[in-house]
C-alpha cells in the first residue's frame, strides 16, 4: 500500500498496512453467568505507563461495559481522554481472562503472529498516529468521539516481528524506569505529607501541648496573624498594551507559574525595569507568595529571585523573627482552611485585609529553621525525582520518534521466536 502524507517519513523497507489487517476491535458480547468480574473504568486506564488497573466487583454492579480480554489494548475514543494519552493493556492476571471496561474505549486484540502487542501499543501512543485518529473525531465540542472505522483503517508501519519485539523491549525498559520513578515520587510525597502533619502541629521534641482554635500545638508556640509575620503586598500587572514594560529580565509571577516546587524558578512572562515601576515594589528572594483570587486560591510559593506578581497574589516579606521557608510550609499545610475563607462567589477572593487576619501557629525562630530544613530536604529529593522523570520522558519521546519510524534501526539477534 502506498504511504500517505503522515507515513511518508517511515522507513521505505517497512510496509504500511491498515491496523485491521493485524488486529481487530472486539465486538461487545454478553458474558457467562459469574458472580464477580474484573472492572476497568476510565480512571483505571493510565495516561502514562503500560497496563490498566482493575477492580473485582459483583457483576450486577457493572451497568454498561465493553467486553475485553487479557492482553487487549484499551484505546480511549472520547475527548479529552484520547488527546491525553489514555491507553492501557488489560492485565494478564484478570480473573477468567476477561474484563468489562468502560464503554468509552476500543478493545484492540492484536494477531500475535503478525504484530507484537507492545509494539502496537507504542504505535498507538506515538503522536504521529494518534493525531490521525484525533483528526477523525466527530461530535460537538467537548463530546467528540473517534470512529471505529478510523482506527481500523489507520495506516501503521510493520517491521519484521523480531524487530518489533526489540523496539517494544527498548521502550518498555524506559517505561519501567518511569514507573519506578513514579513510585519513588509517590513514596516521597507521602513522607512529606506525614512529616508536615507531625512537624507543623507537634513540633520537635515537645512534651506539653495546649488547645487552640487551630488545634493542639506545643505549649511554647504562639498563634499569630499573617500581618504579624511580615509586610503584606498585593501584586499589580503593568499595562499589557505597552511593549516597553515587557520582555525584560524580571520574573512576572502569576498563579499559573506556581507549581509543585517551593520556588518559582521560571515564569511565562518577564518585565523590564520600567515595568517594575508600574507594578509596585520589587519583591526580594524568599518572599512568600499566596494566591488569593481565583480557582487556585491557597497555592503557595517562594520567589527564587527578585520578582513581581500579578494582582491575584499576596506577597509576604517576612520579619527577621519569621523564617520564610517555615511560613511557606505552614501556609501550604493550612491552605484548605485558607481556601474556605474565600466564600462561594463566582470568582473566589480573599481580600488583603482579610488575608492579613489569617492565623497560623509559630514556634521559635530556631525551631522554625529546624522544621523547614527537614521539609526542604524532602522537597529537594522530590525535585530531583521529578527532573529524572522529565528526562526519562524526553528520552522516551526521542526513542519513539526514531524507533517507530525506522530512522534508527535496532540490532536483532538471530534467535527464533515461537
Protein backbone atom coordinates (compact mmCIF):
# COMPACT_ATOMS: atom_id res chain seq x y z
CA UNK A 1 0.00 0.00 0.00
CA UNK A 2 1.24 3.47 -0.87
CA UNK A 3 2.29 5.60 2.04
CA UNK A 4 0.27 8.77 2.50
CA UNK A 5 1.36 12.10 3.98
CA UNK A 6 1.54 11.16 7.64
CA UNK A 7 3.50 7.97 6.94
CA UNK A 8 5.87 9.39 4.32
CA UNK A 9 8.81 9.55 6.74
CA UNK A 10 8.56 5.86 7.66
CA UNK A 11 11.47 3.65 6.58
CA UNK A 12 10.88 2.54 2.96
CA UNK A 13 11.75 -1.08 3.80
CA UNK A 14 8.75 -1.27 6.13
CA UNK A 15 5.35 -1.81 4.53
CA UNK A 16 2.49 0.33 5.84
CA UNK A 17 -0.73 -1.59 6.38
CA UNK A 18 -4.16 -0.89 7.85
CA UNK A 19 -4.47 -1.72 11.53
CA UNK A 20 -7.41 -4.05 10.82
CA UNK A 21 -5.02 -6.32 8.85
CA UNK A 22 -3.09 -7.21 12.02
CA UNK A 23 -5.59 -6.56 14.84
CA UNK A 24 -9.33 -6.48 15.45
CA UNK A 25 -11.54 -4.26 17.56
CA UNK A 26 -13.59 -6.64 19.66
CA UNK A 27 -17.36 -6.65 19.44
CA UNK A 28 -19.21 -6.46 22.71
CA UNK A 29 -20.71 -9.67 23.99
CA UNK A 30 -22.69 -10.95 26.94
CA UNK A 31 -20.54 -12.84 29.41
CA UNK A 32 -21.40 -16.11 31.10
CA UNK A 33 -23.09 -16.09 34.47
CA UNK A 34 -20.46 -15.36 37.10
CA UNK A 35 -20.60 -13.65 40.49
CA UNK A 36 -17.60 -11.32 40.23
CA UNK A 37 -15.81 -9.72 37.31
CA UNK A 38 -12.76 -7.54 36.66
CA UNK A 39 -13.98 -3.99 36.04
CA UNK A 40 -11.87 -1.34 34.26
CA UNK A 41 -13.45 2.13 34.46
CA UNK A 42 -11.79 5.04 32.67
CA UNK A 43 -9.95 6.24 35.79
CA UNK A 44 -8.03 2.94 35.95
CA UNK A 45 -6.68 3.34 32.41
CA UNK A 46 -3.33 5.17 32.64
CA UNK A 47 -2.32 8.41 30.94
CA UNK A 48 1.24 7.06 31.05
CA UNK A 49 2.51 3.58 31.79
CA UNK A 50 1.56 0.32 30.10
CA UNK A 51 -1.03 -1.71 32.00
CA UNK A 52 -4.51 -0.67 33.05
CA UNK A 53 -5.60 -1.48 36.57
CA UNK A 54 -8.80 -3.28 37.53
CA UNK A 55 -11.03 -3.93 40.49
CA UNK A 56 -13.03 -7.11 41.08
CA UNK A 57 -16.71 -6.28 41.69
CA UNK A 58 -20.04 -8.16 41.71
CA UNK A 59 -21.14 -8.39 38.08
CA UNK A 60 -24.53 -6.81 38.85
CA UNK A 61 -22.70 -3.58 39.75
CA UNK A 62 -21.46 -3.20 36.17
CA UNK A 63 -24.26 -1.41 34.33
CA UNK A 64 -22.78 -0.80 30.86
CA UNK A 65 -19.45 -2.05 29.65
CA UNK A 66 -17.15 -3.13 26.84
CA UNK A 67 -16.00 -6.73 26.74
CA UNK A 68 -12.22 -7.19 26.56
CA UNK A 69 -9.73 -9.97 27.16
CA UNK A 70 -6.35 -10.22 28.87
CA UNK A 71 -3.71 -8.57 26.69
CA UNK A 72 -6.11 -6.36 24.74
CA UNK A 73 -5.09 -2.75 24.19
CA UNK A 74 -7.72 -0.34 25.52
CA UNK A 75 -7.64 2.87 23.46
CA UNK A 76 -9.76 5.80 24.68
CA UNK A 77 -12.12 7.10 22.00
CA UNK A 78 -13.53 10.25 23.59
CA UNK A 79 -12.47 13.84 24.26
CA UNK A 80 -10.27 14.65 26.15
CA UNK A 81 -9.10 11.16 27.14
CA UNK A 82 -7.78 10.28 23.68
CA UNK A 83 -5.80 13.52 23.43
CA UNK A 84 -4.41 12.97 26.95
CA UNK A 85 -2.99 9.58 26.02
CA UNK A 86 -5.45 7.35 27.91
CA UNK A 87 -4.42 3.88 26.89
CA UNK A 88 -3.59 0.64 28.67
CA UNK A 89 -3.20 -3.09 28.21
CA UNK A 90 -5.64 -5.35 30.04
CA UNK A 91 -3.53 -7.13 32.70
CA UNK A 92 -2.80 -10.79 32.06
CA UNK A 93 -3.94 -11.75 35.57
CA UNK A 94 -7.59 -10.65 35.25
CA UNK A 95 -9.93 -13.35 36.61
CA UNK A 96 -11.39 -15.63 33.91
CA UNK A 97 -9.03 -13.99 31.36
CA UNK A 98 -11.52 -11.23 30.52
CA UNK A 99 -12.75 -7.92 31.89
CA UNK A 100 -15.55 -5.40 31.47
CA UNK A 101 -14.14 -1.99 30.63
CA UNK A 102 -15.71 1.43 30.17
CA UNK A 103 -17.78 1.82 27.01
CA UNK A 104 -15.56 4.75 26.03
CA UNK A 105 -12.65 2.60 24.78
CA UNK A 106 -11.83 0.44 21.80
CA UNK A 107 -10.59 -3.01 22.91
CA UNK A 108 -7.96 -3.90 20.31
CA UNK A 109 -6.82 -7.52 20.03
CA UNK A 110 -3.55 -7.94 18.06
CA UNK A 111 -2.88 -11.01 15.94
CA UNK A 112 0.32 -12.09 17.66
CA UNK A 113 1.74 -13.93 14.65
CA UNK A 114 1.63 -10.63 12.73
CA UNK A 115 2.24 -7.85 15.24
CA UNK A 116 3.70 -7.66 18.73
CA UNK A 117 1.09 -6.27 21.15
CA UNK A 118 3.58 -3.99 22.88
CA UNK A 119 4.86 -2.67 19.54
CA UNK A 120 1.26 -1.86 18.56
CA UNK A 121 0.71 -0.29 21.97
CA UNK A 122 3.57 2.16 21.36
CA UNK A 123 2.47 2.87 17.79
CA UNK A 124 -0.93 3.94 19.12
CA UNK A 125 0.80 6.04 21.79
CA UNK A 126 3.02 7.74 19.20
CA UNK A 127 1.72 11.22 18.43
CA UNK A 128 2.17 10.80 14.66
CA UNK A 129 -0.50 8.08 14.57
CA UNK A 130 -2.67 9.19 17.49
CA UNK A 131 -3.14 12.61 15.87
CA UNK A 132 -4.52 10.90 12.77
CA UNK A 133 -7.21 9.26 14.92
CA UNK A 134 -7.89 12.54 16.75
CA UNK A 135 -8.34 14.35 13.42
CA UNK A 136 -11.14 11.92 12.54
CA UNK A 137 -13.18 12.65 15.68
CA UNK A 138 -16.73 13.88 15.24
CA UNK A 139 -19.37 15.36 17.52
CA UNK A 140 -19.94 18.57 19.43
CA UNK A 141 -17.10 20.37 21.20
CA UNK A 142 -16.22 18.54 24.41
CA UNK A 143 -18.18 15.42 23.37
CA UNK A 144 -16.20 14.21 20.37
CA UNK A 145 -15.55 10.55 19.62
CA UNK A 146 -13.21 8.69 17.31
CA UNK A 147 -14.83 6.25 14.93
CA UNK A 148 -14.15 2.53 14.81
CA UNK A 149 -13.58 2.85 11.07
CA UNK A 150 -10.84 5.48 11.56
CA UNK A 151 -8.96 3.20 13.96
CA UNK A 152 -9.36 0.11 11.79
CA UNK A 153 -8.12 1.98 8.70
CA UNK A 154 -5.20 3.66 10.45
CA UNK A 155 -2.03 3.11 8.42
CA UNK A 156 0.79 1.75 10.56
CA UNK A 157 4.31 0.52 9.72
CA UNK A 158 5.03 -3.19 10.01
CA UNK A 159 8.68 -4.12 10.57
CA UNK A 160 9.60 -7.82 10.88
CA UNK A 161 8.34 -9.37 14.12
CA UNK A 162 11.80 -9.72 15.72
CA UNK A 163 12.44 -6.02 15.10
CA UNK A 164 9.01 -5.12 16.51
CA UNK A 165 9.79 -7.06 19.67
CA UNK A 166 13.19 -5.43 20.08
CA UNK A 167 11.72 -1.93 19.65
CA UNK A 168 8.99 -2.70 22.18
CA UNK A 169 11.56 -4.12 24.61
CA UNK A 170 13.63 -0.92 24.49
CA UNK A 171 10.57 1.31 25.03
CA UNK A 172 9.27 -0.92 27.84
CA UNK A 173 12.61 -0.61 29.62
CA UNK A 174 12.24 3.18 29.64
CA UNK A 175 8.60 2.91 30.74
CA UNK A 176 9.59 0.63 33.62
CA UNK A 177 12.17 3.22 34.73
CA UNK A 178 9.44 5.89 34.60
CA UNK A 179 7.10 3.72 36.67
CA UNK A 180 9.81 3.13 39.30
CA UNK A 181 10.42 6.88 39.45
CA UNK A 182 6.67 7.48 39.82
CA UNK A 183 6.58 5.07 42.77
CA UNK A 184 9.54 6.86 44.37
CA UNK A 185 7.74 10.20 43.90
CA UNK A 186 4.57 8.79 45.49
CA UNK A 187 6.51 7.43 48.47
CA UNK A 188 8.36 10.71 48.96
CA UNK A 189 5.12 12.71 48.69
CA UNK A 190 3.56 10.51 51.38
CA UNK A 191 6.65 11.04 53.54
CA UNK A 192 6.38 14.81 53.08
CA UNK A 193 2.68 14.80 53.93
CA UNK A 194 3.31 12.78 57.09
CA UNK A 195 6.22 14.97 58.17
CA UNK A 196 4.21 18.16 57.62
CA UNK A 197 1.32 16.76 59.64
CA UNK A 198 3.63 15.95 62.54
CA UNK A 199 6.15 18.82 62.46
CA UNK A 200 3.62 21.61 61.90
CA UNK A 201 1.35 20.50 64.74
CA UNK A 202 3.62 18.70 67.23
CA UNK A 203 6.96 20.37 66.52
CA UNK A 204 10.28 18.85 67.60
CA UNK A 205 10.73 17.17 71.00
CA UNK A 206 7.80 18.84 72.78
CA UNK A 207 6.09 17.20 75.73
CA UNK A 208 3.47 19.78 76.74
CA UNK A 209 0.68 20.93 74.43
CA UNK A 210 -2.21 23.37 74.51
CA UNK A 211 -5.55 23.57 72.72
CA UNK A 212 -6.15 26.43 70.30
CA UNK A 213 -8.69 27.25 67.59
CA UNK A 214 -6.16 25.80 65.14
CA UNK A 215 -5.95 22.55 67.07
CA UNK A 216 -3.48 21.24 69.64
CA UNK A 217 0.02 22.75 69.38
CA UNK A 218 3.13 22.83 71.61
CA UNK A 219 2.72 24.99 74.72
CA UNK A 220 5.68 27.21 73.72
CA UNK A 221 4.24 28.07 70.31
CA UNK A 222 2.24 31.21 69.52
CA UNK A 223 -0.77 31.68 67.26
CA UNK A 224 -0.17 34.74 65.08
CA UNK A 225 -1.87 36.59 62.24
CA UNK A 226 -0.25 36.85 58.82
CA UNK A 227 0.19 40.58 59.35
CA UNK A 228 2.36 39.74 62.38
CA UNK A 229 4.76 37.68 60.25
CA UNK A 230 5.76 40.44 57.82
CA UNK A 231 4.69 43.07 55.34
CA UNK A 232 1.87 42.02 53.00
CA UNK A 233 1.82 43.38 49.44
CA UNK A 234 -0.65 42.75 46.61
CA UNK A 235 0.73 42.47 43.09
CA UNK A 236 -0.18 44.50 40.03
CA UNK A 237 0.06 43.91 36.28
CA UNK A 238 1.86 46.54 34.20
CA UNK A 239 -0.19 47.73 31.17
CA UNK A 240 -0.03 44.91 28.64
CA UNK A 241 -0.52 47.31 25.73
CA UNK A 242 2.87 48.93 26.39
CA UNK A 243 5.71 46.84 24.92
CA UNK A 244 8.36 48.75 26.88
CA UNK A 245 7.15 47.13 30.11
CA UNK A 246 7.55 43.57 28.88
CA UNK A 247 10.16 41.01 27.72
CA UNK A 248 12.75 42.15 30.24
CA UNK A 249 14.60 40.06 32.82
CA UNK A 250 12.41 40.40 35.93
CA UNK A 251 10.06 37.41 36.52
CA UNK A 252 6.36 38.30 36.46
CA UNK A 253 4.68 35.64 38.62
CA UNK A 254 1.06 34.59 38.15
CA UNK A 255 -0.81 31.60 39.69
CA UNK A 256 -0.05 29.57 36.56
CA UNK A 257 3.68 29.84 37.31
CA UNK A 258 3.30 28.26 40.76
CA UNK A 259 3.86 24.50 40.65
CA UNK A 260 4.89 21.63 42.92
CA UNK A 261 8.26 23.05 43.97
CA UNK A 262 8.71 25.57 46.80
CA UNK A 263 10.42 28.06 44.49
CA UNK A 264 9.18 29.68 41.28
CA UNK A 265 12.21 29.17 39.04
CA UNK A 266 10.77 30.36 35.73
CA UNK A 267 7.74 32.33 34.58
CA UNK A 268 5.77 32.67 31.37
CA UNK A 269 6.40 36.40 31.19
CA UNK A 270 9.10 38.84 32.28
CA UNK A 271 9.04 42.60 32.77
CA UNK A 272 11.54 45.39 32.24
CA UNK A 273 12.80 47.90 34.81
CA UNK A 274 10.11 50.30 33.56
CA UNK A 275 7.54 47.55 34.13
CA UNK A 276 8.55 47.27 37.78
CA UNK A 277 7.71 50.94 38.31
CA UNK A 278 4.16 50.24 37.10
CA UNK A 279 3.77 47.13 39.24
CA UNK A 280 4.78 48.42 42.66
CA UNK A 281 7.55 47.05 44.85
CA UNK A 282 10.15 44.60 43.62
CA UNK A 283 9.96 41.51 45.81
CA UNK A 284 13.26 40.10 47.13
CA UNK A 285 14.29 36.42 47.06
CA UNK A 286 12.46 34.24 49.62
CA UNK A 287 9.30 36.32 49.61
CA UNK A 288 6.30 34.08 50.38
CA UNK A 289 3.59 34.15 47.69
CA UNK A 290 -0.04 33.15 48.25
CA UNK A 291 -2.77 33.04 45.59
CA UNK A 292 -5.82 34.86 46.98
CA UNK A 293 -8.05 35.30 43.91
CA UNK A 294 -9.44 32.70 41.52
CA UNK A 295 -9.86 28.95 41.37
CA UNK A 296 -6.37 28.21 42.71
CA UNK A 297 -6.66 30.11 45.99
CA UNK A 298 -4.28 28.64 48.55
CA UNK A 299 -1.38 27.89 46.17
CA UNK A 300 1.86 28.90 47.89
CA UNK A 301 5.40 29.51 46.67
CA UNK A 302 8.64 31.41 47.28
CA UNK A 303 10.44 33.83 44.98
CA UNK A 304 13.71 32.38 43.70
CA UNK A 305 15.00 35.81 42.67
CA UNK A 306 13.77 39.40 42.65
CA UNK A 307 10.29 39.31 41.09
CA UNK A 308 6.90 40.96 40.82
CA UNK A 309 3.45 39.33 40.85
CA UNK A 310 0.03 39.99 39.42
CA UNK A 311 -2.97 41.11 41.48
CA UNK A 312 -4.13 37.54 42.23
CA UNK A 313 -1.19 37.06 44.58
CA UNK A 314 -0.48 38.45 48.03
CA UNK A 315 3.22 38.51 48.94
CA UNK A 316 4.68 38.38 52.45
CA UNK A 317 8.09 39.90 53.12
CA UNK A 318 8.97 38.20 56.39
CA UNK A 319 10.22 39.87 59.55
CA UNK A 320 13.59 38.80 60.94
CA UNK A 321 11.77 36.69 63.54
CA UNK A 322 10.00 34.61 60.88
CA UNK A 323 11.72 32.06 58.64
CA UNK A 324 10.19 32.35 55.12
CA UNK A 325 10.56 28.62 54.48
CA UNK A 326 8.66 27.80 57.66
CA UNK A 327 5.92 30.28 56.68
CA UNK A 328 5.73 28.67 53.23
CA UNK A 329 5.18 25.21 54.73
CA UNK A 330 2.75 26.48 57.38
CA UNK A 331 0.60 28.18 54.73
CA UNK A 332 0.83 25.12 52.47
CA UNK A 333 -0.33 22.94 55.36
CA UNK A 334 -3.24 25.29 56.16
CA UNK A 335 -4.14 26.02 52.52
CA UNK A 336 -7.53 24.25 52.67
CA UNK A 337 -8.56 26.36 55.66
CA UNK A 338 -7.42 29.48 53.82
CA UNK A 339 -9.42 28.49 50.75
CA UNK A 340 -12.55 28.16 52.88
CA UNK A 341 -12.24 31.87 53.69
CA UNK A 342 -12.96 32.75 50.06
CA UNK A 343 -16.69 32.02 50.30
CA UNK A 344 -18.84 30.86 47.39
CA UNK A 345 -18.61 33.80 44.97
CA UNK A 346 -18.34 33.10 41.23
CA UNK A 347 -14.76 34.39 41.41
CA UNK A 348 -13.39 33.35 44.85
CA UNK A 349 -11.42 36.10 46.56
CA UNK A 350 -9.68 36.74 49.87
CA UNK A 351 -9.06 40.46 50.19
CA UNK A 352 -5.73 41.61 51.57
CA UNK A 353 -7.35 42.95 54.77
CA UNK A 354 -8.92 39.54 55.42
CA UNK A 355 -5.79 37.61 54.43
CA UNK A 356 -3.77 39.56 56.97
CA UNK A 357 -6.07 38.22 59.73
CA UNK A 358 -5.47 34.57 58.80
CA UNK A 359 -3.79 32.76 61.70
CA UNK A 360 -1.03 30.16 61.82
CA UNK A 361 0.99 28.55 64.65
CA UNK A 362 4.50 29.97 65.11
CA UNK A 363 7.38 28.30 67.02
CA UNK A 364 10.66 29.98 67.96
CA UNK A 365 12.91 31.07 65.10
CA UNK A 366 15.38 28.24 65.77
CA UNK A 367 12.61 25.62 65.65
CA UNK A 368 11.15 27.23 62.52
CA UNK A 369 14.54 26.70 60.86
CA UNK A 370 14.79 23.10 62.05
CA UNK A 371 11.32 22.25 60.74
CA UNK A 372 11.87 23.95 57.38
CA UNK A 373 15.28 22.30 56.88
CA UNK A 374 13.74 18.83 57.31
CA UNK A 375 10.95 19.59 54.84
CA UNK A 376 13.25 21.31 52.36
CA UNK A 377 15.42 18.17 52.28
CA UNK A 378 12.38 16.11 51.28
CA UNK A 379 11.36 18.70 48.67
CA UNK A 380 14.86 18.65 47.17
CA UNK A 381 14.58 14.87 46.80
CA UNK A 382 11.17 15.31 45.14
CA UNK A 383 12.61 17.90 42.78
CA UNK A 384 15.42 15.53 41.71
CA UNK A 385 12.94 12.70 41.16
CA UNK A 386 10.65 14.90 39.05
CA UNK A 387 13.60 16.08 36.97
CA UNK A 388 14.62 12.45 36.45
CA UNK A 389 11.09 11.63 35.30
CA UNK A 390 11.09 14.57 32.87
CA UNK A 391 14.42 13.39 31.45
CA UNK A 392 13.11 9.84 31.01
CA UNK A 393 10.01 11.17 29.24
CA UNK A 394 12.22 13.16 26.86
CA UNK A 395 14.32 10.05 26.18
CA UNK A 396 11.17 8.02 25.53
CA UNK A 397 9.73 10.61 23.12
CA UNK A 398 13.02 10.70 21.22
CA UNK A 399 13.24 6.91 21.05
CA UNK A 400 9.64 6.59 19.86
CA UNK A 401 10.28 9.13 17.10
CA UNK A 402 13.42 7.29 15.98
CA UNK A 403 12.48 3.64 16.51
CA UNK A 404 8.86 3.67 15.36
CA UNK A 405 9.73 5.33 12.06
CA UNK A 406 12.85 3.30 11.33
CA UNK A 407 15.07 6.39 11.48
CA UNK A 408 17.12 4.41 13.97
CA UNK A 409 17.37 0.65 13.48
CA UNK A 410 17.78 -1.91 16.24
CA UNK A 411 20.10 -4.91 16.26
CA UNK A 412 18.11 -8.15 16.29
CA UNK A 413 19.66 -11.48 17.23
CA UNK A 414 19.03 -14.49 15.00
CA UNK A 415 17.25 -16.50 17.73
CA UNK A 416 13.96 -17.98 16.63
CA UNK A 417 10.72 -16.78 18.15
CA UNK A 418 7.90 -19.16 18.69
